[in-house]
Amino acid sequence: MTENANYKKGTEIRNKLMGAAYADKMNKSVYDDPMMQKFGDYAREAVFGMLWSRPGLDMKTRALICVISDTSQARWPELAIHLRMARNEGWTEDELSEALMHLCGYIGLPSVREAMLTAKEVFHEMRNEK
């Protein structure tokens, strides 16, 4: 893929949100074959390069929106990624767990339970990385 301005901007934003080491780990494990590399390139250009860089919301708010969206749709692998991004953007473990708890009355306990279990794993992993 030609690395246009959105791709380059997307790479920067993705590395900032995930942390460069985690983004590199994903590049080597998830996006290590031609099919997934195409997907990753598209996501980097369109989602990170165009969507995350739009004016109007800060990155911290965008990260929380993704956490809520993933939980509401039961997208557990994506939730793990977005919880990491939210932590990297300044949300605390307590704030994120409270945001998830708030969803109990709107999307139900089973989804929130899964989200809390995912958060527990991500937070533990991130604490051990430091």
Protein backbone atom coordinates (compact mmCIF):
# COMPACT_ATOMS: atom_id res chain seq x y z
CA MET A 1 0.00 0.00 0.00
CA THR A 2 1.15 3.51 -0.75
CA GLU A 3 1.70 5.31 2.52
CA ASN A 4 -0.36 8.44 1.93
CA ALA A 5 -0.89 11.23 4.46
CA ASN A 6 -3.87 9.50 6.14
CA TYR A 7 -1.94 6.25 6.44
CA LYS A 8 1.01 8.04 8.05
CA LYS A 9 -1.26 10.03 10.37
CA GLY A 10 -3.15 6.81 11.18
CA THR A 11 0.08 5.01 12.06
CA GLU A 12 0.99 7.85 14.44
CA ILE A 13 -2.43 7.87 16.10
CA ARG A 14 -2.58 4.07 16.36
CA ASN A 15 0.86 3.94 17.99
CA LYS A 16 -0.13 6.68 20.44
CA LEU A 17 -3.40 5.00 21.38
CA MET A 18 -2.12 1.44 21.68
CA GLY A 19 1.42 2.16 22.69
CA ALA A 20 4.14 1.56 20.11
CA ALA A 21 5.20 -1.80 21.58
CA TYR A 22 1.65 -3.18 21.57
CA ALA A 23 1.00 -1.87 18.03
CA ASP A 24 4.21 -3.54 16.87
CA LYS A 25 3.19 -6.78 18.60
CA MET A 26 -0.13 -6.70 16.72
CA ASN A 27 1.67 -6.02 13.43
CA LYS A 28 3.77 -9.15 13.96
CA SER A 29 0.97 -11.43 15.15
CA VAL A 30 -2.39 -10.28 13.75
CA TYR A 31 -1.35 -8.46 10.59
CA ASP A 32 1.46 -10.78 9.55
CA ASP A 33 -0.09 -12.25 6.40
CA PRO A 34 -1.22 -10.54 3.17
CA MET A 35 -4.96 -10.81 3.83
CA MET A 36 -4.81 -9.32 7.32
CA GLN A 37 -2.20 -6.78 6.27
CA LYS A 38 -4.72 -5.36 3.75
CA PHE A 39 -7.28 -5.10 6.54
CA GLY A 40 -4.77 -3.47 8.88
CA ASP A 41 -3.66 -1.00 6.23
CA TYR A 42 -7.26 0.01 5.57
CA ALA A 43 -8.00 0.41 9.29
CA ARG A 44 -4.84 2.45 9.76
CA GLU A 45 -5.71 4.79 6.90
CA ALA A 46 -9.49 5.11 7.24
CA VAL A 47 -10.24 4.55 10.91
CA PHE A 48 -7.13 5.93 12.60
CA GLY A 49 -6.03 8.37 9.89
CA MET A 50 -9.42 9.84 9.05
CA LEU A 51 -11.95 9.03 11.79
CA TRP A 52 -9.84 9.38 14.95
CA SER A 53 -8.30 12.62 13.68
CA ARG A 54 -11.60 14.43 13.02
CA PRO A 55 -12.20 17.63 14.97
CA GLY A 56 -14.95 17.88 17.54
CA LEU A 57 -14.01 15.21 20.09
CA ASP A 58 -10.80 14.56 21.94
CA MET A 59 -9.07 11.19 21.76
CA LYS A 60 -9.99 10.37 25.36
CA THR A 61 -13.72 10.71 24.60
CA ARG A 62 -13.38 8.73 21.37
CA ALA A 63 -11.70 5.89 23.28
CA LEU A 64 -14.56 5.74 25.79
CA ILE A 65 -17.11 5.69 22.98
CA CYS A 66 -15.34 2.63 21.55
CA VAL A 67 -15.37 0.88 24.94
CA ILE A 68 -19.12 1.47 25.27
CA SER A 69 -19.80 0.42 21.67
CA ASP A 70 -17.77 -2.79 21.99
CA THR A 71 -19.51 -3.71 25.22
CA SER A 72 -22.94 -3.02 23.76
CA GLN A 73 -22.17 -5.24 20.77
CA ALA A 74 -20.33 -7.98 22.71
CA ARG A 75 -17.09 -7.44 20.76
CA TRP A 76 -14.69 -8.77 23.39
CA PRO A 77 -11.40 -8.84 21.41
CA GLU A 78 -12.02 -5.28 20.22
CA LEU A 79 -12.98 -4.26 23.76
CA ALA A 80 -9.58 -5.42 25.00
CA ILE A 81 -7.86 -3.20 22.43
CA HIS A 82 -10.09 -0.21 23.16
CA LEU A 83 -9.73 -0.56 26.93
CA ARG A 84 -5.97 -0.36 26.42
CA MET A 85 -6.46 2.75 24.30
CA ALA A 86 -8.75 4.30 26.91
CA ARG A 87 -6.19 3.68 29.67
CA ASN A 88 -3.47 5.16 27.47
CA GLU A 89 -5.64 8.24 26.93
CA GLY A 90 -5.99 8.85 30.66
CA TRP A 91 -9.10 7.01 31.80
CA THR A 92 -8.46 5.28 35.12
CA GLU A 93 -9.36 1.69 35.88
CA ASP A 94 -12.02 2.96 38.30
CA GLU A 95 -13.54 5.33 35.74
CA LEU A 96 -13.69 2.63 33.08
CA SER A 97 -15.16 0.05 35.43
CA GLU A 98 -17.78 2.60 36.52
CA ALA A 99 -18.62 3.37 32.87
CA LEU A 100 -19.09 -0.35 32.32
CA MET A 101 -21.21 -0.69 35.48
CA HIS A 102 -23.41 2.13 34.24
CA LEU A 103 -24.30 -0.05 31.26
CA CYS A 104 -25.89 -2.71 33.52
CA GLY A 105 -29.23 -0.95 33.38
CA TYR A 106 -29.09 -0.36 29.64
CA ILE A 107 -27.61 -3.45 28.01
CA GLY A 108 -27.81 -6.04 30.80
CA LEU A 109 -25.64 -7.85 33.29
CA PRO A 110 -24.28 -10.65 31.06
CA SER A 111 -22.58 -8.27 28.63
CA VAL A 112 -21.27 -6.06 31.41
CA ARG A 113 -19.94 -9.13 33.25
CA GLU A 114 -17.99 -10.18 30.15
CA ALA A 115 -16.73 -6.63 29.71
CA MET A 116 -15.59 -6.49 33.34
CA LEU A 117 -13.75 -9.81 32.94
CA THR A 118 -12.07 -8.46 29.80
CA ALA A 119 -11.15 -5.26 31.63
CA LYS A 120 -9.72 -7.25 34.54
CA GLU A 121 -7.39 -9.09 32.13
CA VAL A 122 -6.36 -5.96 30.21
CA PHE A 123 -5.70 -3.93 33.35
CA HIS A 124 -3.64 -6.76 34.85
CA GLU A 125 -1.65 -7.10 31.63
CA MET A 126 -1.01 -3.36 31.46
CA ARG A 127 0.11 -3.16 35.11
CA ASN A 128 2.58 -5.98 34.44
CA GLU A 129 3.99 -4.19 31.40
CA LYS A 130 5.18 -1.25 33.51
